[in-house]
Amino acid sequence: QQAALLLRMRDGMGTLARILKTIDNYNGCVEHLETRPSQATGVRFDALVKVSMSRVNLLQLIRSLRQSTSFAGVDLMSDNNISTKTPWFPRHASDLDNCNHLMTKYEPELDMNHPGFADKDYRERRKQIAEIAFAYKYGDPIPSITYTESENATWQRVFNTVLDLMPKHACREYKAAFGKLQAADIFVPHRIPQLEDVSNFLR
């Protein structure tokens, strides 16, 4: 049976991990997950979760979620409550500023199988860069990132490996483009290229 649940979360996005785990415990499959900041007092986020599971397990899931103090509300949505109108989609790059930043079940803090799940430094660094990206608005200069020595060292290993493999495995067009970026001092082994530099070069 398919169903849609509207969950009003009092806490942050970390609650999603428990939601997904609970659904998995009841042998449910998440078919769609959508989050947005809530307009309700005392509620941080609303989450629309569409699941596929047996009716018995669905009722048990709802009962379990409603017993948690993490939720201000757990509602089973009817078909009439879910909009079926043609979805809005961006028609210009500037329209992307109006899009929500959705989280997926494969975020490192949500998926225990993600390689970075137990790496606190990686998760914190990923969060920092994501916040910079989310703050970007169309027309702004692309922010410059200060990369760590370790990150630049990783880039250098990857860069040198690509150089070794490129003569045998890359096409002519790839080699030509790579060479132009090298000549412009954008692709160099000792530092990760900045997106603003790449963007300006492509223009």
N, C-alpha and C. Protein backbone atom coordinates (compact mmCIF):
# COMPACT_ATOMS: atom_id res chain seq x y z
N GLN A 1 0.84 -1.19 0.00
CA GLN A 1 0.00 0.00 0.00
C GLN A 1 0.88 1.25 0.00
N GLN A 2 0.46 2.24 -0.81
CA GLN A 2 1.18 3.50 -0.86
C GLN A 2 0.47 4.54 -0.01
N ALA A 3 1.26 5.37 0.67
CA ALA A 3 0.68 6.39 1.53
C ALA A 3 1.64 7.56 1.62
N ALA A 4 1.08 8.73 1.95
CA ALA A 4 1.89 9.93 2.13
C ALA A 4 1.71 10.43 3.56
N LEU A 5 2.81 10.69 4.23
CA LEU A 5 2.79 11.18 5.60
C LEU A 5 3.36 12.58 5.65
N LEU A 6 2.70 13.45 6.40
CA LEU A 6 3.23 14.79 6.65
C LEU A 6 3.74 14.82 8.09
N LEU A 7 5.04 15.00 8.24
CA LEU A 7 5.68 14.98 9.55
C LEU A 7 6.14 16.39 9.90
N ARG A 8 5.72 16.87 11.06
CA ARG A 8 6.13 18.20 11.51
C ARG A 8 7.21 18.03 12.56
N MET A 9 8.45 18.36 12.18
CA MET A 9 9.62 18.05 13.00
C MET A 9 9.99 19.23 13.90
N ARG A 10 10.05 18.94 15.20
CA ARG A 10 10.46 19.98 16.15
C ARG A 10 11.96 20.23 16.10
N ASP A 11 12.71 19.18 15.78
CA ASP A 11 14.17 19.27 15.79
C ASP A 11 14.70 19.52 14.38
N GLY A 12 16.02 19.42 14.22
CA GLY A 12 16.65 19.67 12.94
C GLY A 12 16.55 18.49 12.00
N MET A 13 17.33 18.55 10.93
CA MET A 13 17.30 17.53 9.89
C MET A 13 17.82 16.18 10.38
N GLY A 14 18.50 16.16 11.52
CA GLY A 14 18.97 14.89 12.05
C GLY A 14 17.83 13.93 12.33
N THR A 15 16.62 14.47 12.53
CA THR A 15 15.44 13.63 12.77
C THR A 15 15.15 12.74 11.57
N LEU A 16 15.54 13.18 10.37
CA LEU A 16 15.28 12.38 9.17
C LEU A 16 15.93 11.01 9.25
N ALA A 17 17.10 10.95 9.86
CA ALA A 17 17.79 9.66 9.97
C ALA A 17 16.94 8.67 10.75
N ARG A 18 16.34 9.15 11.84
CA ARG A 18 15.49 8.26 12.66
C ARG A 18 14.21 7.89 11.91
N ILE A 19 13.68 8.84 11.14
CA ILE A 19 12.48 8.54 10.36
C ILE A 19 12.75 7.42 9.37
N LEU A 20 13.83 7.55 8.62
CA LEU A 20 14.17 6.55 7.61
C LEU A 20 14.46 5.20 8.23
N LYS A 21 15.13 5.22 9.38
CA LYS A 21 15.43 3.96 10.08
C LYS A 21 14.14 3.30 10.55
N THR A 22 13.21 4.10 11.08
CA THR A 22 11.94 3.55 11.56
C THR A 22 11.14 2.96 10.41
N ILE A 23 11.10 3.66 9.28
CA ILE A 23 10.38 3.13 8.11
C ILE A 23 11.00 1.82 7.66
N ASP A 24 12.32 1.75 7.67
CA ASP A 24 13.02 0.52 7.29
C ASP A 24 12.69 -0.61 8.25
N ASN A 25 12.58 -0.29 9.54
CA ASN A 25 12.25 -1.31 10.55
C ASN A 25 10.88 -1.93 10.30
N TYR A 26 9.98 -1.17 9.70
CA TYR A 26 8.64 -1.67 9.40
C TYR A 26 8.53 -2.15 7.95
N ASN A 27 9.68 -2.44 7.34
CA ASN A 27 9.73 -2.99 5.98
C ASN A 27 9.07 -2.08 4.95
N GLY A 28 9.23 -0.79 5.15
CA GLY A 28 8.68 0.17 4.21
C GLY A 28 9.73 0.65 3.22
N CYS A 29 9.27 1.16 2.10
CA CYS A 29 10.16 1.70 1.06
C CYS A 29 9.80 3.17 0.84
N VAL A 30 10.79 4.05 0.96
CA VAL A 30 10.57 5.48 0.74
C VAL A 30 10.60 5.76 -0.77
N GLU A 31 9.50 6.26 -1.30
CA GLU A 31 9.42 6.55 -2.73
C GLU A 31 9.64 8.03 -3.04
N HIS A 32 9.41 8.87 -2.04
CA HIS A 32 9.61 10.31 -2.24
C HIS A 32 9.80 10.96 -0.88
N LEU A 33 10.73 11.91 -0.82
CA LEU A 33 10.99 12.64 0.43
C LEU A 33 11.20 14.11 0.09
N GLU A 34 10.43 14.95 0.75
CA GLU A 34 10.48 16.39 0.47
C GLU A 34 10.48 17.14 1.80
N THR A 35 11.37 18.11 1.95
CA THR A 35 11.42 18.89 3.19
C THR A 35 11.34 20.38 2.88
N ARG A 36 10.87 21.13 3.88
CA ARG A 36 10.84 22.58 3.75
C ARG A 36 10.76 23.19 5.15
N PRO A 37 11.26 24.41 5.32
CA PRO A 37 11.12 25.09 6.61
C PRO A 37 9.64 25.26 6.94
N SER A 38 9.28 25.02 8.19
CA SER A 38 7.87 25.09 8.58
C SER A 38 7.47 26.51 8.95
N GLN A 39 6.22 26.83 8.70
CA GLN A 39 5.66 28.12 9.10
C GLN A 39 5.00 28.05 10.47
N ALA A 40 4.89 26.85 11.02
CA ALA A 40 4.20 26.66 12.29
C ALA A 40 5.12 26.99 13.47
N THR A 41 4.55 27.52 14.51
CA THR A 41 5.31 27.86 15.72
C THR A 41 5.79 26.58 16.41
N GLY A 42 7.06 26.57 16.78
CA GLY A 42 7.60 25.41 17.48
C GLY A 42 7.97 24.25 16.58
N VAL A 43 7.84 24.44 15.28
CA VAL A 43 8.18 23.38 14.32
C VAL A 43 9.25 23.93 13.38
N ARG A 44 10.35 23.18 13.24
CA ARG A 44 11.46 23.66 12.41
C ARG A 44 11.28 23.28 10.94
N PHE A 45 10.86 22.02 10.71
CA PHE A 45 10.74 21.56 9.32
C PHE A 45 9.48 20.71 9.16
N ASP A 46 8.91 20.77 7.96
CA ASP A 46 7.86 19.84 7.55
C ASP A 46 8.47 18.87 6.55
N ALA A 47 8.11 17.61 6.68
CA ALA A 47 8.61 16.59 5.75
C ALA A 47 7.43 15.82 5.17
N LEU A 48 7.38 15.77 3.84
CA LEU A 48 6.39 14.94 3.16
C LEU A 48 7.09 13.66 2.73
N VAL A 49 6.63 12.54 3.26
CA VAL A 49 7.26 11.25 2.98
C VAL A 49 6.24 10.32 2.34
N LYS A 50 6.51 9.89 1.13
CA LYS A 50 5.65 8.92 0.46
C LYS A 50 6.28 7.54 0.61
N VAL A 51 5.51 6.61 1.17
CA VAL A 51 6.04 5.28 1.46
C VAL A 51 5.19 4.21 0.81
N SER A 52 5.79 3.06 0.64
CA SER A 52 5.09 1.87 0.15
C SER A 52 5.32 0.77 1.16
N MET A 53 4.24 0.26 1.77
CA MET A 53 4.37 -0.77 2.80
C MET A 53 3.00 -1.38 3.07
N SER A 54 2.96 -2.45 3.82
CA SER A 54 1.69 -3.10 4.12
C SER A 54 0.85 -2.21 5.04
N ARG A 55 -0.47 -2.39 5.01
CA ARG A 55 -1.37 -1.56 5.81
C ARG A 55 -1.09 -1.73 7.30
N VAL A 56 -0.85 -2.97 7.71
CA VAL A 56 -0.58 -3.24 9.13
C VAL A 56 0.68 -2.50 9.58
N ASN A 57 1.73 -2.61 8.78
CA ASN A 57 2.98 -1.94 9.14
C ASN A 57 2.85 -0.42 9.09
N LEU A 58 2.03 0.07 8.16
CA LEU A 58 1.81 1.52 8.06
C LEU A 58 1.16 2.05 9.34
N LEU A 59 0.16 1.35 9.83
CA LEU A 59 -0.51 1.78 11.06
C LEU A 59 0.45 1.73 12.24
N GLN A 60 1.28 0.70 12.28
CA GLN A 60 2.27 0.60 13.36
C GLN A 60 3.31 1.71 13.25
N LEU A 61 3.70 2.04 12.03
CA LEU A 61 4.66 3.13 11.81
C LEU A 61 4.10 4.45 12.32
N ILE A 62 2.86 4.75 11.94
CA ILE A 62 2.23 6.00 12.37
C ILE A 62 2.14 6.06 13.89
N ARG A 63 1.75 4.95 14.50
CA ARG A 63 1.65 4.91 15.96
C ARG A 63 3.00 5.15 16.61
N SER A 64 4.04 4.55 16.04
CA SER A 64 5.39 4.71 16.58
C SER A 64 5.86 6.16 16.46
N LEU A 65 5.64 6.78 15.31
CA LEU A 65 6.08 8.16 15.10
C LEU A 65 5.33 9.13 16.00
N ARG A 66 4.04 8.87 16.21
CA ARG A 66 3.24 9.77 17.04
C ARG A 66 3.63 9.69 18.52
N GLN A 67 4.27 8.61 18.91
CA GLN A 67 4.72 8.48 20.29
C GLN A 67 6.01 9.25 20.55
N SER A 68 6.68 9.68 19.49
CA SER A 68 7.95 10.39 19.62
C SER A 68 7.71 11.87 19.90
N THR A 69 8.48 12.43 20.81
CA THR A 69 8.38 13.86 21.12
C THR A 69 9.06 14.72 20.06
N SER A 70 9.71 14.10 19.09
CA SER A 70 10.39 14.85 18.04
C SER A 70 9.42 15.48 17.05
N PHE A 71 8.16 15.02 17.07
CA PHE A 71 7.18 15.49 16.09
C PHE A 71 6.04 16.25 16.75
N ALA A 72 5.70 17.39 16.15
CA ALA A 72 4.54 18.14 16.61
C ALA A 72 3.27 17.59 15.98
N GLY A 73 3.44 16.82 14.92
CA GLY A 73 2.30 16.22 14.26
C GLY A 73 2.73 15.17 13.26
N VAL A 74 1.93 14.12 13.13
CA VAL A 74 2.15 13.07 12.13
C VAL A 74 0.80 12.82 11.47
N ASP A 75 0.65 13.25 10.24
CA ASP A 75 -0.65 13.17 9.56
C ASP A 75 -0.56 12.28 8.33
N LEU A 76 -1.58 11.45 8.16
CA LEU A 76 -1.72 10.62 6.97
C LEU A 76 -2.49 11.44 5.95
N MET A 77 -1.87 11.72 4.81
CA MET A 77 -2.47 12.59 3.81
C MET A 77 -3.36 11.79 2.86
N SER A 78 -4.50 12.37 2.51
CA SER A 78 -5.35 11.76 1.49
C SER A 78 -4.94 12.29 0.13
N ASP A 79 -5.43 11.67 -0.92
CA ASP A 79 -5.09 12.10 -2.28
C ASP A 79 -5.51 13.55 -2.52
N ASN A 80 -6.58 13.97 -1.85
CA ASN A 80 -7.08 15.33 -2.04
C ASN A 80 -6.17 16.38 -1.41
N ASN A 81 -5.35 15.94 -0.44
CA ASN A 81 -4.46 16.88 0.25
C ASN A 81 -3.16 17.10 -0.49
N ILE A 82 -2.88 16.24 -1.47
CA ILE A 82 -1.60 16.31 -2.18
C ILE A 82 -1.83 16.93 -3.55
N SER A 83 -1.13 17.99 -3.81
CA SER A 83 -1.32 18.73 -5.06
C SER A 83 -0.95 17.87 -6.26
N THR A 84 -1.83 17.86 -7.26
CA THR A 84 -1.55 17.12 -8.49
C THR A 84 -1.37 18.07 -9.67
N LYS A 85 -1.29 19.37 -9.39
CA LYS A 85 -1.12 20.33 -10.48
C LYS A 85 0.25 20.16 -11.11
N THR A 86 0.38 20.68 -12.30
CA THR A 86 1.67 20.61 -12.98
C THR A 86 2.74 21.28 -12.14
N PRO A 87 3.82 20.59 -11.82
CA PRO A 87 4.83 21.17 -10.93
C PRO A 87 5.55 22.34 -11.59
N TRP A 88 5.91 23.32 -10.75
CA TRP A 88 6.73 24.43 -11.23
C TRP A 88 8.15 23.95 -11.45
N PHE A 89 8.79 24.46 -12.47
CA PHE A 89 10.19 24.14 -12.68
C PHE A 89 10.90 25.38 -13.20
N PRO A 90 12.19 25.53 -12.89
CA PRO A 90 12.91 26.73 -13.30
C PRO A 90 13.07 26.80 -14.81
N ARG A 91 12.88 27.99 -15.36
CA ARG A 91 13.04 28.22 -16.79
C ARG A 91 14.29 29.03 -17.10
N HIS A 92 14.91 29.57 -16.07
CA HIS A 92 16.13 30.36 -16.24
C HIS A 92 17.02 30.08 -15.04
N ALA A 93 18.32 30.25 -15.21
CA ALA A 93 19.25 29.96 -14.12
C ALA A 93 18.91 30.76 -12.86
N SER A 94 18.40 31.98 -13.02
CA SER A 94 18.07 32.81 -11.86
C SER A 94 16.91 32.22 -11.06
N ASP A 95 16.06 31.40 -11.70
CA ASP A 95 14.94 30.78 -11.00
C ASP A 95 15.40 29.76 -9.96
N LEU A 96 16.62 29.29 -10.10
CA LEU A 96 17.13 28.30 -9.15
C LEU A 96 17.25 28.88 -7.75
N ASP A 97 17.31 30.21 -7.64
CA ASP A 97 17.37 30.84 -6.32
C ASP A 97 16.09 30.59 -5.52
N ASN A 98 15.00 30.24 -6.22
CA ASN A 98 13.73 30.00 -5.54
C ASN A 98 13.53 28.55 -5.15
N CYS A 99 14.49 27.71 -5.48
CA CYS A 99 14.36 26.28 -5.19
C CYS A 99 14.80 25.98 -3.76
N ASN A 100 14.12 25.01 -3.15
CA ASN A 100 14.54 24.55 -1.83
C ASN A 100 15.75 23.64 -1.98
N HIS A 101 16.54 23.57 -0.93
CA HIS A 101 17.69 22.67 -0.92
C HIS A 101 17.26 21.39 -0.22
N LEU A 102 16.94 20.38 -1.01
CA LEU A 102 16.42 19.14 -0.45
C LEU A 102 17.54 18.23 0.00
N MET A 103 17.25 17.49 1.06
CA MET A 103 18.19 16.47 1.53
C MET A 103 17.72 15.12 1.03
N THR A 104 18.65 14.23 0.78
CA THR A 104 18.31 12.88 0.34
C THR A 104 18.68 11.88 1.42
N LYS A 105 18.16 10.68 1.30
CA LYS A 105 18.46 9.65 2.29
C LYS A 105 19.89 9.18 2.21
N TYR A 106 20.64 9.65 1.20
CA TYR A 106 22.03 9.22 1.05
C TYR A 106 23.02 10.27 1.53
N GLU A 107 22.53 11.29 2.27
CA GLU A 107 23.44 12.25 2.88
C GLU A 107 24.32 11.49 3.88
N PRO A 108 25.59 11.91 4.05
CA PRO A 108 26.49 11.17 4.95
C PRO A 108 26.00 11.09 6.38
N GLU A 109 25.22 12.09 6.85
CA GLU A 109 24.73 12.03 8.22
C GLU A 109 23.46 11.20 8.36
N LEU A 110 22.90 10.75 7.22
CA LEU A 110 21.67 9.97 7.25
C LEU A 110 21.87 8.51 6.88
N ASP A 111 22.84 8.22 6.06
CA ASP A 111 23.03 6.87 5.54
C ASP A 111 24.27 6.24 6.18
N MET A 112 24.05 5.22 7.00
CA MET A 112 25.16 4.58 7.71
C MET A 112 26.14 3.91 6.76
N ASN A 113 25.71 3.62 5.53
CA ASN A 113 26.59 2.98 4.55
C ASN A 113 27.42 4.00 3.78
N HIS A 114 27.15 5.28 3.98
CA HIS A 114 27.94 6.32 3.30
C HIS A 114 29.36 6.30 3.86
N PRO A 115 30.39 6.37 2.99
CA PRO A 115 31.79 6.31 3.47
C PRO A 115 32.12 7.39 4.49
N GLY A 116 31.40 8.51 4.46
CA GLY A 116 31.71 9.60 5.39
C GLY A 116 30.85 9.62 6.63
N PHE A 117 30.03 8.56 6.86
CA PHE A 117 29.09 8.57 7.98
C PHE A 117 29.80 8.75 9.32
N ALA A 118 30.92 8.06 9.53
CA ALA A 118 31.62 8.10 10.81
C ALA A 118 32.77 9.10 10.82
N ASP A 119 32.95 9.83 9.74
CA ASP A 119 34.06 10.79 9.64
C ASP A 119 33.54 12.19 9.96
N LYS A 120 33.72 12.61 11.21
CA LYS A 120 33.18 13.90 11.65
C LYS A 120 33.83 15.07 10.91
N ASP A 121 35.14 14.97 10.66
CA ASP A 121 35.83 16.05 9.96
C ASP A 121 35.29 16.21 8.54
N TYR A 122 35.08 15.08 7.87
CA TYR A 122 34.54 15.12 6.50
C TYR A 122 33.14 15.74 6.49
N ARG A 123 32.30 15.33 7.43
CA ARG A 123 30.93 15.82 7.48
C ARG A 123 30.89 17.32 7.77
N GLU A 124 31.76 17.78 8.66
CA GLU A 124 31.81 19.20 8.99
C GLU A 124 32.29 20.02 7.79
N ARG A 125 33.32 19.49 7.11
CA ARG A 125 33.85 20.19 5.93
C ARG A 125 32.81 20.22 4.82
N ARG A 126 32.12 19.12 4.62
CA ARG A 126 31.07 19.04 3.60
C ARG A 126 29.96 20.05 3.90
N LYS A 127 29.64 20.17 5.19
CA LYS A 127 28.60 21.12 5.61
C LYS A 127 29.03 22.56 5.32
N GLN A 128 30.31 22.87 5.60
CA GLN A 128 30.82 24.22 5.36
C GLN A 128 30.70 24.60 3.88
N ILE A 129 31.15 23.71 3.02
CA ILE A 129 31.12 24.00 1.58
C ILE A 129 29.68 24.05 1.07
N ALA A 130 28.81 23.18 1.61
CA ALA A 130 27.40 23.20 1.20
C ALA A 130 26.73 24.52 1.58
N GLU A 131 27.05 25.04 2.76
CA GLU A 131 26.46 26.31 3.19
C GLU A 131 26.89 27.46 2.28
N ILE A 132 28.15 27.42 1.84
CA ILE A 132 28.63 28.44 0.90
C ILE A 132 27.87 28.34 -0.42
N ALA A 133 27.67 27.11 -0.88
CA ALA A 133 26.95 26.89 -2.14
C ALA A 133 25.50 27.33 -2.03
N PHE A 134 24.84 27.01 -0.90
CA PHE A 134 23.43 27.36 -0.73
C PHE A 134 23.23 28.87 -0.64
N ALA A 135 24.24 29.59 -0.17
CA ALA A 135 24.13 31.05 -0.04
C ALA A 135 24.31 31.77 -1.37
N TYR A 136 24.78 31.05 -2.38
CA TYR A 136 25.04 31.67 -3.69
C TYR A 136 23.74 32.07 -4.37
N LYS A 137 23.72 33.25 -4.97
CA LYS A 137 22.59 33.72 -5.76
C LYS A 137 23.05 34.02 -7.18
N TYR A 138 22.14 33.84 -8.11
CA TYR A 138 22.46 34.06 -9.52
C TYR A 138 23.02 35.46 -9.73
N GLY A 139 24.12 35.56 -10.46
CA GLY A 139 24.74 36.84 -10.75
C GLY A 139 25.87 37.19 -9.81
N ASP A 140 25.92 36.54 -8.64
CA ASP A 140 27.03 36.78 -7.72
C ASP A 140 28.30 36.13 -8.26
N PRO A 141 29.47 36.66 -7.91
CA PRO A 141 30.70 35.93 -8.22
C PRO A 141 30.69 34.59 -7.47
N ILE A 142 31.17 33.56 -8.11
CA ILE A 142 31.23 32.26 -7.42
C ILE A 142 32.25 32.36 -6.29
N PRO A 143 31.86 32.02 -5.06
CA PRO A 143 32.77 32.19 -3.92
C PRO A 143 34.06 31.39 -4.09
N SER A 144 35.13 31.96 -3.60
CA SER A 144 36.42 31.27 -3.61
C SER A 144 36.55 30.44 -2.34
N ILE A 145 37.00 29.21 -2.49
CA ILE A 145 37.15 28.29 -1.36
C ILE A 145 38.62 28.19 -0.99
N THR A 146 38.90 28.29 0.29
CA THR A 146 40.26 28.07 0.77
C THR A 146 40.40 26.60 1.13
N TYR A 147 41.12 25.87 0.31
CA TYR A 147 41.27 24.44 0.52
C TYR A 147 42.45 24.15 1.44
N THR A 148 42.34 23.04 2.17
CA THR A 148 43.39 22.66 3.11
C THR A 148 44.55 22.00 2.37
N GLU A 149 45.67 21.87 3.06
CA GLU A 149 46.83 21.20 2.47
C GLU A 149 46.48 19.77 2.08
N SER A 150 45.72 19.11 2.94
CA SER A 150 45.33 17.72 2.67
C SER A 150 44.46 17.63 1.41
N GLU A 151 43.54 18.56 1.26
CA GLU A 151 42.66 18.56 0.09
C GLU A 151 43.46 18.83 -1.19
N ASN A 152 44.38 19.78 -1.13
CA ASN A 152 45.22 20.06 -2.29
C ASN A 152 46.14 18.89 -2.62
N ALA A 153 46.60 18.19 -1.58
CA ALA A 153 47.46 17.02 -1.80
C ALA A 153 46.68 15.90 -2.49
N THR A 154 45.42 15.74 -2.09
CA THR A 154 44.57 14.74 -2.74
C THR A 154 44.35 15.10 -4.21
N TRP A 155 44.07 16.38 -4.45
CA TRP A 155 43.92 16.85 -5.83
C TRP A 155 45.17 16.57 -6.65
N GLN A 156 46.33 16.79 -6.06
CA GLN A 156 47.59 16.60 -6.78
C GLN A 156 47.76 15.14 -7.20
N ARG A 157 47.39 14.22 -6.30
CA ARG A 157 47.50 12.79 -6.64
C ARG A 157 46.55 12.44 -7.78
N VAL A 158 45.34 12.97 -7.70
CA VAL A 158 44.36 12.71 -8.76
C VAL A 158 44.82 13.33 -10.08
N PHE A 159 45.31 14.56 -10.00
CA PHE A 159 45.77 15.29 -11.19
C PHE A 159 46.88 14.53 -11.90
N ASN A 160 47.87 14.08 -11.14
CA ASN A 160 49.00 13.36 -11.73
C ASN A 160 48.57 12.01 -12.30
N THR A 161 47.61 11.36 -11.65
CA THR A 161 47.11 10.09 -12.17
C THR A 161 46.39 10.30 -13.50
N VAL A 162 45.61 11.39 -13.58
CA VAL A 162 44.91 11.71 -14.84
C VAL A 162 45.92 11.97 -15.95
N LEU A 163 46.99 12.71 -15.62
CA LEU A 163 48.01 12.98 -16.63
C LEU A 163 48.65 11.70 -17.14
N ASP A 164 48.86 10.74 -16.23
CA ASP A 164 49.46 9.47 -16.63
C ASP A 164 48.54 8.66 -17.54
N LEU A 165 47.24 8.71 -17.25
CA LEU A 165 46.28 7.88 -17.99
C LEU A 165 45.77 8.55 -19.26
N MET A 166 45.85 9.86 -19.31
CA MET A 166 45.24 10.62 -20.41
C MET A 166 45.76 10.25 -21.80
N PRO A 167 47.06 10.09 -22.00
CA PRO A 167 47.53 9.79 -23.36
C PRO A 167 46.91 8.54 -23.97
N LYS A 168 46.65 7.56 -23.13
CA LYS A 168 46.14 6.28 -23.63
C LYS A 168 44.62 6.20 -23.63
N HIS A 169 43.98 6.88 -22.68
CA HIS A 169 42.56 6.64 -22.47
C HIS A 169 41.64 7.83 -22.80
N ALA A 170 42.19 9.02 -23.00
CA ALA A 170 41.34 10.19 -23.24
C ALA A 170 41.19 10.48 -24.73
N CYS A 171 40.05 11.06 -25.09
CA CYS A 171 39.81 11.42 -26.49
C CYS A 171 40.55 12.71 -26.84
N ARG A 172 40.59 13.02 -28.11
CA ARG A 172 41.32 14.20 -28.59
C ARG A 172 40.74 15.49 -28.00
N GLU A 173 39.40 15.57 -27.95
CA GLU A 173 38.76 16.78 -27.44
C GLU A 173 39.06 16.99 -25.96
N TYR A 174 39.05 15.90 -25.20
CA TYR A 174 39.36 16.00 -23.77
C TYR A 174 40.79 16.51 -23.56
N LYS A 175 41.71 15.94 -24.31
CA LYS A 175 43.11 16.35 -24.19
C LYS A 175 43.28 17.83 -24.54
N ALA A 176 42.59 18.27 -25.59
CA ALA A 176 42.71 19.66 -26.02
C ALA A 176 42.17 20.61 -24.95
N ALA A 177 41.00 20.28 -24.39
CA ALA A 177 40.40 21.13 -23.36
C ALA A 177 41.26 21.15 -22.10
N PHE A 178 41.77 19.99 -21.73
CA PHE A 178 42.63 19.89 -20.54
C PHE A 178 43.88 20.74 -20.73
N GLY A 179 44.46 20.65 -21.93
CA GLY A 179 45.66 21.42 -22.22
C GLY A 179 45.43 22.92 -22.16
N LYS A 180 44.26 23.38 -22.63
CA LYS A 180 43.95 24.81 -22.58
C LYS A 180 43.81 25.29 -21.13
N LEU A 181 43.20 24.46 -20.29
CA LEU A 181 43.05 24.83 -18.87
C LEU A 181 44.40 24.84 -18.17
N GLN A 182 45.29 23.95 -18.59
CA GLN A 182 46.65 23.99 -18.05
C GLN A 182 47.38 25.26 -18.48
N ALA A 183 47.27 25.60 -19.75
CA ALA A 183 47.95 26.78 -20.28
C ALA A 183 47.45 28.06 -19.62
N ALA A 184 46.18 28.06 -19.19
CA ALA A 184 45.60 29.23 -18.53
C ALA A 184 45.91 29.25 -17.04
N ASP A 185 46.70 28.29 -16.57
CA ASP A 185 47.10 28.19 -15.16
C ASP A 185 45.90 27.94 -14.24
N ILE A 186 44.87 27.29 -14.78
CA ILE A 186 43.71 26.92 -13.97
C ILE A 186 43.83 25.49 -13.48
N PHE A 187 44.23 24.59 -14.39
CA PHE A 187 44.50 23.21 -14.01
C PHE A 187 45.99 23.06 -13.73
N VAL A 188 46.34 23.07 -12.46
CA VAL A 188 47.73 22.88 -12.03
C VAL A 188 47.74 21.85 -10.91
N PRO A 189 48.84 21.15 -10.72
CA PRO A 189 48.84 20.07 -9.74
C PRO A 189 48.80 20.50 -8.28
N HIS A 190 49.28 21.71 -7.98
CA HIS A 190 49.47 22.07 -6.57
C HIS A 190 48.26 22.73 -5.91
N ARG A 191 47.18 23.01 -6.67
CA ARG A 191 46.00 23.61 -6.03
C ARG A 191 44.73 23.21 -6.79
N ILE A 192 43.66 23.10 -6.04
CA ILE A 192 42.36 22.78 -6.63
C ILE A 192 41.84 24.01 -7.38
N PRO A 193 41.37 23.86 -8.60
CA PRO A 193 40.89 25.02 -9.35
C PRO A 193 39.64 25.63 -8.71
N GLN A 194 39.53 26.95 -8.80
CA GLN A 194 38.34 27.65 -8.31
C GLN A 194 37.28 27.68 -9.41
N LEU A 195 36.03 27.47 -9.03
CA LEU A 195 34.95 27.43 -10.01
C LEU A 195 34.79 28.76 -10.75
N GLU A 196 35.04 29.87 -10.06
CA GLU A 196 34.93 31.17 -10.72
C GLU A 196 35.93 31.29 -11.86
N ASP A 197 37.15 30.77 -11.65
CA ASP A 197 38.17 30.80 -12.70
C ASP A 197 37.75 29.95 -13.90
N VAL A 198 37.22 28.77 -13.61
CA VAL A 198 36.76 27.88 -14.69
C VAL A 198 35.60 28.52 -15.44
N SER A 199 34.65 29.11 -14.69
CA SER A 199 33.49 29.75 -15.31
C SER A 199 33.91 30.89 -16.22
N ASN A 200 34.81 31.74 -15.75
CA ASN A 200 35.27 32.86 -16.57
C ASN A 200 36.01 32.38 -17.81
N PHE A 201 36.77 31.30 -17.66
CA PHE A 201 37.50 30.74 -18.80
C PHE A 201 36.54 30.22 -19.86
N LEU A 202 35.48 29.56 -19.44
CA LEU A 202 34.53 28.98 -20.39
C LEU A 202 33.74 30.06 -21.12
N ARG A 203 33.60 31.21 -20.52
CA ARG A 203 32.89 32.30 -21.19
C ARG A 203 33.70 32.87 -22.36
